[in-house]
Amino acid sequence: MIWVYNILLLLLSPLWLGAMWLKNSRRKDKIDWAERFGDYKIPLRTDRKRIWIHAVSVGEVMAAKPIVERVKALLPE
């Protein structure tokens, strides 16, 4: 049965991409596709070090909170 899903996914994905392109062309503020695929333009700062903590859901943010607090305590600058 999974092969049916895979075939439908393969056949319908061009329609989905076309719909997304059409939807984007009608928006005032265009979607930054590179950013959507993880290519962020983050300015390089040399004045201090930084730590990136990535959390997507609310649960992940709440789980990361003690880590952030501990890092702040260890590295106040």
PDB file of N, CA and C in Angstrom:
ATOM      1  N   MET A   1       0.816  -1.204   0.000  1.00  0.00           N
ATOM      2  CA  MET A   1       0.000   0.000   0.000  1.00  0.00           C
ATOM      3  C   MET A   1       0.859   1.267   0.000  1.00  0.00           C
ATOM      4  N   ILE A   2       2.038   1.181   0.587  1.00  0.00           N
ATOM      5  CA  ILE A   2       2.888   2.362   0.634  1.00  0.00           C
ATOM      6  C   ILE A   2       3.360   2.754  -0.759  1.00  0.00           C
ATOM      7  N   TRP A   3       3.448   1.823  -1.666  1.00  0.00           N
ATOM      8  CA  TRP A   3       3.871   2.139  -3.029  1.00  0.00           C
ATOM      9  C   TRP A   3       2.850   3.030  -3.714  1.00  0.00           C
ATOM     10  N   VAL A   4       1.570   2.901  -3.361  1.00  0.00           N
ATOM     11  CA  VAL A   4       0.528   3.774  -3.928  1.00  0.00           C
ATOM     12  C   VAL A   4       0.780   5.215  -3.461  1.00  0.00           C
ATOM     13  N   TYR A   5       1.074   5.364  -2.191  1.00  0.00           N
ATOM     14  CA  TYR A   5       1.366   6.685  -1.644  1.00  0.00           C
ATOM     15  C   TYR A   5       2.577   7.291  -2.333  1.00  0.00           C
ATOM     16  N   ASN A   6       3.625   6.502  -2.509  1.00  0.00           N
ATOM     17  CA  ASN A   6       4.845   7.001  -3.146  1.00  0.00           C
ATOM     18  C   ASN A   6       4.601   7.418  -4.591  1.00  0.00           C
ATOM     19  N   ILE A   7       3.820   6.643  -5.303  1.00  0.00           N
ATOM     20  CA  ILE A   7       3.509   6.991  -6.699  1.00  0.00           C
ATOM     21  C   ILE A   7       2.681   8.272  -6.748  1.00  0.00           C
ATOM     22  N   LEU A   8       1.667   8.379  -5.884  1.00  0.00           N
ATOM     23  CA  LEU A   8       0.851   9.603  -5.855  1.00  0.00           C
ATOM     24  C   LEU A   8       1.693  10.816  -5.473  1.00  0.00           C
ATOM     25  N   LEU A   9       2.582  10.640  -4.524  1.00  0.00           N
ATOM     26  CA  LEU A   9       3.468  11.734  -4.119  1.00  0.00           C
ATOM     27  C   LEU A   9       4.339  12.176  -5.297  1.00  0.00           C
ATOM     28  N   LEU A  10       4.868  11.235  -6.003  1.00  0.00           N
ATOM     29  CA  LEU A  10       5.711  11.538  -7.150  1.00  0.00           C
ATOM     30  C   LEU A  10       4.916  12.245  -8.248  1.00  0.00           C
ATOM     31  N   LEU A  11       3.708  11.794  -8.505  1.00  0.00           N
ATOM     32  CA  LEU A  11       2.898  12.378  -9.575  1.00  0.00           C
ATOM     33  C   LEU A  11       2.320  13.743  -9.213  1.00  0.00           C
ATOM     34  N   LEU A  12       1.998  13.945  -7.944  1.00  0.00           N
ATOM     35  CA  LEU A  12       1.334  15.186  -7.539  1.00  0.00           C
ATOM     36  C   LEU A  12       2.295  16.279  -7.070  1.00  0.00           C
ATOM     37  N   SER A  13       3.549  15.951  -6.834  1.00  0.00           N
ATOM     38  CA  SER A  13       4.486  16.967  -6.361  1.00  0.00           C
ATOM     39  C   SER A  13       4.680  18.118  -7.351  1.00  0.00           C
ATOM     40  N   PRO A  14       4.694  17.887  -8.676  1.00  0.00           N
ATOM     41  CA  PRO A  14       4.787  19.055  -9.573  1.00  0.00           C
ATOM     42  C   PRO A  14       3.582  19.997  -9.444  1.00  0.00           C
ATOM     43  N   LEU A  15       2.408  19.438  -9.199  1.00  0.00           N
ATOM     44  CA  LEU A  15       1.219  20.283  -9.011  1.00  0.00           C
ATOM     45  C   LEU A  15       1.362  21.110  -7.731  1.00  0.00           C
ATOM     46  N   TRP A  16       1.882  20.488  -6.673  1.00  0.00           N
ATOM     47  CA  TRP A  16       2.067  21.204  -5.422  1.00  0.00           C
ATOM     48  C   TRP A  16       3.093  22.323  -5.593  1.00  0.00           C
ATOM     49  N   LEU A  17       4.190  22.028  -6.286  1.00  0.00           N
ATOM     50  CA  LEU A  17       5.199  23.059  -6.516  1.00  0.00           C
ATOM     51  C   LEU A  17       4.637  24.213  -7.338  1.00  0.00           C
ATOM     52  N   GLY A  18       3.829  23.893  -8.341  1.00  0.00           N
ATOM     53  CA  GLY A  18       3.187  24.941  -9.141  1.00  0.00           C
ATOM     54  C   GLY A  18       2.249  25.795  -8.301  1.00  0.00           C
ATOM     55  N   ALA A  19       1.502  25.147  -7.418  1.00  0.00           N
ATOM     56  CA  ALA A  19       0.585  25.886  -6.550  1.00  0.00           C
ATOM     57  C   ALA A  19       1.354  26.796  -5.597  1.00  0.00           C
ATOM     58  N   MET A  20       2.471  26.313  -5.066  1.00  0.00           N
ATOM     59  CA  MET A  20       3.285  27.137  -4.172  1.00  0.00           C
ATOM     60  C   MET A  20       3.913  28.315  -4.923  1.00  0.00           C
ATOM     61  N   TRP A  21       4.345  28.084  -6.142  1.00  0.00           N
ATOM     62  CA  TRP A  21       4.915  29.167  -6.950  1.00  0.00           C
ATOM     63  C   TRP A  21       3.852  30.215  -7.238  1.00  0.00           C
ATOM     64  N   LEU A  22       2.631  29.772  -7.600  1.00  0.00           N
ATOM     65  CA  LEU A  22       1.536  30.699  -7.877  1.00  0.00           C
ATOM     66  C   LEU A  22       1.157  31.485  -6.622  1.00  0.00           C
ATOM     67  N   LYS A  23       1.078  30.793  -5.510  1.00  0.00           N
ATOM     68  CA  LYS A  23       0.739  31.458  -4.251  1.00  0.00           C
ATOM     69  C   LYS A  23       1.793  32.510  -3.893  1.00  0.00           C
ATOM     70  N   ASN A  24       3.054  32.180  -4.104  1.00  0.00           N
ATOM     71  CA  ASN A  24       4.129  33.119  -3.802  1.00  0.00           C
ATOM     72  C   ASN A  24       4.104  34.319  -4.747  1.00  0.00           C
ATOM     73  N   SER A  25       3.746  34.102  -5.997  1.00  0.00           N
ATOM     74  CA  SER A  25       3.736  35.208  -6.953  1.00  0.00           C
ATOM     75  C   SER A  25       2.643  36.230  -6.644  1.00  0.00           C
ATOM     76  N   ARG A  26       1.640  35.825  -5.888  1.00  0.00           N
ATOM     77  CA  ARG A  26       0.538  36.730  -5.538  1.00  0.00           C
ATOM     78  C   ARG A  26       0.770  37.473  -4.222  1.00  0.00           C
ATOM     79  N   ARG A  27       1.786  37.095  -3.485  1.00  0.00           N
ATOM     80  CA  ARG A  27       2.061  37.744  -2.196  1.00  0.00           C
ATOM     81  C   ARG A  27       2.761  39.082  -2.390  1.00  0.00           C
ATOM     82  N   LYS A  28       2.506  39.997  -1.467  1.00  0.00           N
ATOM     83  CA  LYS A  28       3.222  41.271  -1.485  1.00  0.00           C
ATOM     84  C   LYS A  28       4.679  41.065  -1.098  1.00  0.00           C
ATOM     85  N   ASP A  29       4.882  40.397   0.029  1.00  0.00           N
ATOM     86  CA  ASP A  29       6.249  40.122   0.486  1.00  0.00           C
ATOM     87  C   ASP A  29       6.616  38.707   0.046  1.00  0.00           C
ATOM     88  N   LYS A  30       7.576  38.625  -0.829  1.00  0.00           N
ATOM     89  CA  LYS A  30       7.958  37.347  -1.425  1.00  0.00           C
ATOM     90  C   LYS A  30       8.664  36.452  -0.404  1.00  0.00           C
ATOM     91  N   ILE A  31       8.478  35.169  -0.554  1.00  0.00           N
ATOM     92  CA  ILE A  31       9.114  34.191   0.317  1.00  0.00           C
ATOM     93  C   ILE A  31      10.579  34.079  -0.075  1.00  0.00           C
ATOM     94  N   ASP A  32      11.425  34.078   0.929  1.00  0.00           N
ATOM     95  CA  ASP A  32      12.849  33.868   0.696  1.00  0.00           C
ATOM     96  C   ASP A  32      13.103  32.362   0.743  1.00  0.00           C
ATOM     97  N   TRP A  33      13.140  31.742  -0.437  1.00  0.00           N
ATOM     98  CA  TRP A  33      13.247  30.287  -0.512  1.00  0.00           C
ATOM     99  C   TRP A  33      14.570  29.791   0.030  1.00  0.00           C
ATOM    100  N   ALA A  34      15.631  30.543  -0.143  1.00  0.00           N
ATOM    101  CA  ALA A  34      16.923  30.112   0.397  1.00  0.00           C
ATOM    102  C   ALA A  34      16.844  30.031   1.926  1.00  0.00           C
ATOM    103  N   GLU A  35      16.189  31.011   2.535  1.00  0.00           N
ATOM    104  CA  GLU A  35      16.037  31.010   3.982  1.00  0.00           C
ATOM    105  C   GLU A  35      15.163  29.849   4.433  1.00  0.00           C
ATOM    106  N   ARG A  36      14.134  29.546   3.664  1.00  0.00           N
ATOM    107  CA  ARG A  36      13.272  28.420   4.011  1.00  0.00           C
ATOM    108  C   ARG A  36      14.015  27.103   4.022  1.00  0.00           C
ATOM    109  N   PHE A  37      15.042  27.001   3.197  1.00  0.00           N
ATOM    110  CA  PHE A  37      15.824  25.776   3.137  1.00  0.00           C
ATOM    111  C   PHE A  37      17.081  25.854   3.997  1.00  0.00           C
ATOM    112  N   GLY A  38      17.134  26.829   4.923  1.00  0.00           N
ATOM    113  CA  GLY A  38      18.185  26.872   5.918  1.00  0.00           C
ATOM    114  C   GLY A  38      19.397  27.708   5.568  1.00  0.00           C
ATOM    115  N   ASP A  39      19.348  28.470   4.488  1.00  0.00           N
ATOM    116  CA  ASP A  39      20.482  29.306   4.099  1.00  0.00           C
ATOM    117  C   ASP A  39      20.245  30.716   4.636  1.00  0.00           C
ATOM    118  N   TYR A  40      20.643  30.944   5.889  1.00  0.00           N
ATOM    119  CA  TYR A  40      20.421  32.229   6.533  1.00  0.00           C
ATOM    120  C   TYR A  40      21.595  33.159   6.292  1.00  0.00           C
ATOM    121  N   LYS A  41      21.299  34.408   6.115  1.00  0.00           N
ATOM    122  CA  LYS A  41      22.324  35.436   5.986  1.00  0.00           C
ATOM    123  C   LYS A  41      22.475  36.106   7.349  1.00  0.00           C
ATOM    124  N   ILE A  42      23.385  35.584   8.151  1.00  0.00           N
ATOM    125  CA  ILE A  42      23.605  36.115   9.486  1.00  0.00           C
ATOM    126  C   ILE A  42      24.896  36.920   9.454  1.00  0.00           C
ATOM    127  N   PRO A  43      24.827  38.189   9.803  1.00  0.00           N
ATOM    128  CA  PRO A  43      26.047  39.000   9.778  1.00  0.00           C
ATOM    129  C   PRO A  43      27.067  38.482  10.780  1.00  0.00           C
ATOM    130  N   LEU A  44      28.295  38.422  10.357  1.00  0.00           N
ATOM    131  CA  LEU A  44      29.372  37.955  11.206  1.00  0.00           C
ATOM    132  C   LEU A  44      29.734  39.036  12.209  1.00  0.00           C
ATOM    133  N   ARG A  45      29.670  38.681  13.485  1.00  0.00           N
ATOM    134  CA  ARG A  45      30.031  39.618  14.542  1.00  0.00           C
ATOM    135  C   ARG A  45      31.327  39.143  15.169  1.00  0.00           C
ATOM    136  N   THR A  46      32.268  40.040  15.261  1.00  0.00           N
ATOM    137  CA  THR A  46      33.545  39.685  15.857  1.00  0.00           C
ATOM    138  C   THR A  46      33.741  40.313  17.226  1.00  0.00           C
ATOM    139  N   ASP A  47      32.763  41.107  17.673  1.00  0.00           N
ATOM    140  CA  ASP A  47      32.914  41.774  18.966  1.00  0.00           C
ATOM    141  C   ASP A  47      32.726  40.826  20.144  1.00  0.00           C
ATOM    142  N   ARG A  48      32.012  39.704  19.924  1.00  0.00           N
ATOM    143  CA  ARG A  48      31.829  38.722  20.993  1.00  0.00           C
ATOM    144  C   ARG A  48      31.461  37.374  20.403  1.00  0.00           C
ATOM    145  N   LYS A  49      31.595  36.355  21.213  1.00  0.00           N
ATOM    146  CA  LYS A  49      31.233  35.015  20.773  1.00  0.00           C
ATOM    147  C   LYS A  49      29.731  34.834  20.931  1.00  0.00           C
ATOM    148  N   ARG A  50      29.196  33.903  20.164  1.00  0.00           N
ATOM    149  CA  ARG A  50      27.777  33.622  20.315  1.00  0.00           C
ATOM    150  C   ARG A  50      27.541  32.124  20.273  1.00  0.00           C
ATOM    151  N   ILE A  51      26.472  31.727  20.885  1.00  0.00           N
ATOM    152  CA  ILE A  51      26.055  30.332  20.904  1.00  0.00           C
ATOM    153  C   ILE A  51      24.669  30.272  20.299  1.00  0.00           C
ATOM    154  N   TRP A  52      24.480  29.361  19.369  1.00  0.00           N
ATOM    155  CA  TRP A  52      23.190  29.198  18.718  1.00  0.00           C
ATOM    156  C   TRP A  52      22.506  27.985  19.326  1.00  0.00           C
ATOM    157  N   ILE A  53      21.342  28.197  19.899  1.00  0.00           N
ATOM    158  CA  ILE A  53      20.529  27.105  20.432  1.00  0.00           C
ATOM    159  C   ILE A  53      19.261  27.064  19.598  1.00  0.00           C
ATOM    160  N   HIS A  54      19.048  25.935  18.952  1.00  0.00           N
ATOM    161  CA  HIS A  54      17.925  25.792  18.022  1.00  0.00           C
ATOM    162  C   HIS A  54      16.815  24.990  18.684  1.00  0.00           C
ATOM    163  N   ALA A  55      15.636  25.573  18.752  1.00  0.00           N
ATOM    164  CA  ALA A  55      14.462  24.887  19.283  1.00  0.00           C
ATOM    165  C   ALA A  55      13.274  25.263  18.406  1.00  0.00           C
ATOM    166  N   VAL A  56      12.515  24.265  18.003  1.00  0.00           N
ATOM    167  CA  VAL A  56      11.413  24.502  17.066  1.00  0.00           C
ATOM    168  C   VAL A  56      10.082  24.611  17.793  1.00  0.00           C
ATOM    169  N   SER A  57       9.769  23.636  18.599  1.00  0.00           N
ATOM    170  CA  SER A  57       8.463  23.616  19.248  1.00  0.00           C
ATOM    171  C   SER A  57       8.537  24.249  20.635  1.00  0.00           C
ATOM    172  N   VAL A  58       7.378  24.475  21.211  1.00  0.00           N
ATOM    173  CA  VAL A  58       7.314  25.049  22.555  1.00  0.00           C
ATOM    174  C   VAL A  58       7.983  24.112  23.556  1.00  0.00           C
ATOM    175  N   GLY A  59       7.774  22.828  23.377  1.00  0.00           N
ATOM    176  CA  GLY A  59       8.399  21.850  24.266  1.00  0.00           C
ATOM    177  C   GLY A  59       9.918  21.900  24.202  1.00  0.00           C
ATOM    178  N   GLU A  60      10.458  22.059  23.001  1.00  0.00           N
ATOM    179  CA  GLU A  60      11.903  22.154  22.852  1.00  0.00           C
ATOM    180  C   GLU A  60      12.434  23.444  23.483  1.00  0.00           C
ATOM    181  N   VAL A  61      11.698  24.528  23.341  1.00  0.00           N
ATOM    182  CA  VAL A  61      12.107  25.795  23.953  1.00  0.00           C
ATOM    183  C   VAL A  61      12.114  25.657  25.470  1.00  0.00           C
ATOM    184  N   MET A  62      11.080  25.028  26.019  1.00  0.00           N
ATOM    185  CA  MET A  62      11.022  24.839  27.465  1.00  0.00           C
ATOM    186  C   MET A  62      12.134  23.904  27.939  1.00  0.00           C
ATOM    187  N   ALA A  63      12.471  22.899  27.140  1.00  0.00           N
ATOM    188  CA  ALA A  63      13.552  21.982  27.511  1.00  0.00           C
ATOM    189  C   ALA A  63      14.907  22.679  27.429  1.00  0.00           C
ATOM    190  N   ALA A  64      15.052  23.647  26.540  1.00  0.00           N
ATOM    191  CA  ALA A  64      16.322  24.355  26.380  1.00  0.00           C
ATOM    192  C   ALA A  64      16.501  25.470  27.413  1.00  0.00           C
ATOM    193  N   LYS A  65      15.434  25.867  28.061  1.00  0.00           N
ATOM    194  CA  LYS A  65      15.507  26.987  29.003  1.00  0.00           C
ATOM    195  C   LYS A  65      16.544  26.768  30.105  1.00  0.00           C
ATOM    196  N   PRO A  66      16.616  25.613  30.770  1.00  0.00           N
ATOM    197  CA  PRO A  66      17.651  25.433  31.795  1.00  0.00           C
ATOM    198  C   PRO A  66      19.067  25.481  31.214  1.00  0.00           C
ATOM    199  N   ILE A  67      19.222  25.025  29.994  1.00  0.00           N
ATOM    200  CA  ILE A  67      20.538  25.071  29.354  1.00  0.00           C
ATOM    201  C   ILE A  67      20.949  26.520  29.123  1.00  0.00           C
ATOM    202  N   VAL A  68      20.036  27.324  28.621  1.00  0.00           N
ATOM    203  CA  VAL A  68      20.322  28.739  28.375  1.00  0.00           C
ATOM    204  C   VAL A  68      20.657  29.447  29.680  1.00  0.00           C
ATOM    205  N   GLU A  69      19.887  29.168  30.726  1.00  0.00           N
ATOM    206  CA  GLU A  69      20.158  29.806  32.020  1.00  0.00           C
ATOM    207  C   GLU A  69      21.525  29.402  32.564  1.00  0.00           C
ATOM    208  N   ARG A  70      21.897  28.157  32.386  1.00  0.00           N
ATOM    209  CA  ARG A  70      23.198  27.681  32.863  1.00  0.00           C
ATOM    210  C   ARG A  70      24.339  28.328  32.070  1.00  0.00           C
ATOM    211  N   VAL A  71      24.159  28.427  30.753  1.00  0.00           N
ATOM    212  CA  VAL A  71      25.174  29.058  29.919  1.00  0.00           C
ATOM    213  C   VAL A  71      25.320  30.529  30.306  1.00  0.00           C
ATOM    214  N   LYS A  72      24.198  31.202  30.556  1.00  0.00           N
ATOM    215  CA  LYS A  72      24.258  32.614  30.988  1.00  0.00           C
ATOM    216  C   LYS A  72      24.989  32.756  32.319  1.00  0.00           C
ATOM    217  N   ALA A  73      24.773  31.799  33.211  1.00  0.00           N
ATOM    218  CA  ALA A  73      25.451  31.864  34.498  1.00  0.00           C
ATOM    219  C   ALA A  73      26.947  31.627  34.353  1.00  0.00           C
ATOM    220  N   LEU A  74      27.321  30.722  33.479  1.00  0.00           N
ATOM    221  CA  LEU A  74      28.745  30.430  33.265  1.00  0.00           C
ATOM    222  C   LEU A  74      29.448  31.485  32.430  1.00  0.00           C
ATOM    223  N   LEU A  75      28.737  32.062  31.481  1.00  0.00           N
ATOM    224  CA  LEU A  75      29.308  33.054  30.582  1.00  0.00           C
ATOM    225  C   LEU A  75      28.456  34.325  30.589  1.00  0.00           C
ATOM    226  N   PRO A  76      28.570  35.152  31.593  1.00  0.00           N
ATOM    227  CA  PRO A  76      27.703  36.320  31.694  1.00  0.00           C
ATOM    228  C   PRO A  76      27.915  37.354  30.590  1.00  0.00           C
ATOM    229  N   GLU A  77      29.087  37.336  29.973  1.00  0.00           N
ATOM    230  CA  GLU A  77      29.351  38.325  28.917  1.00  0.00           C
ATOM    231  C   GLU A  77      28.688  37.898  27.645  1.00  0.00           C
TER     232      GLU A  77
END
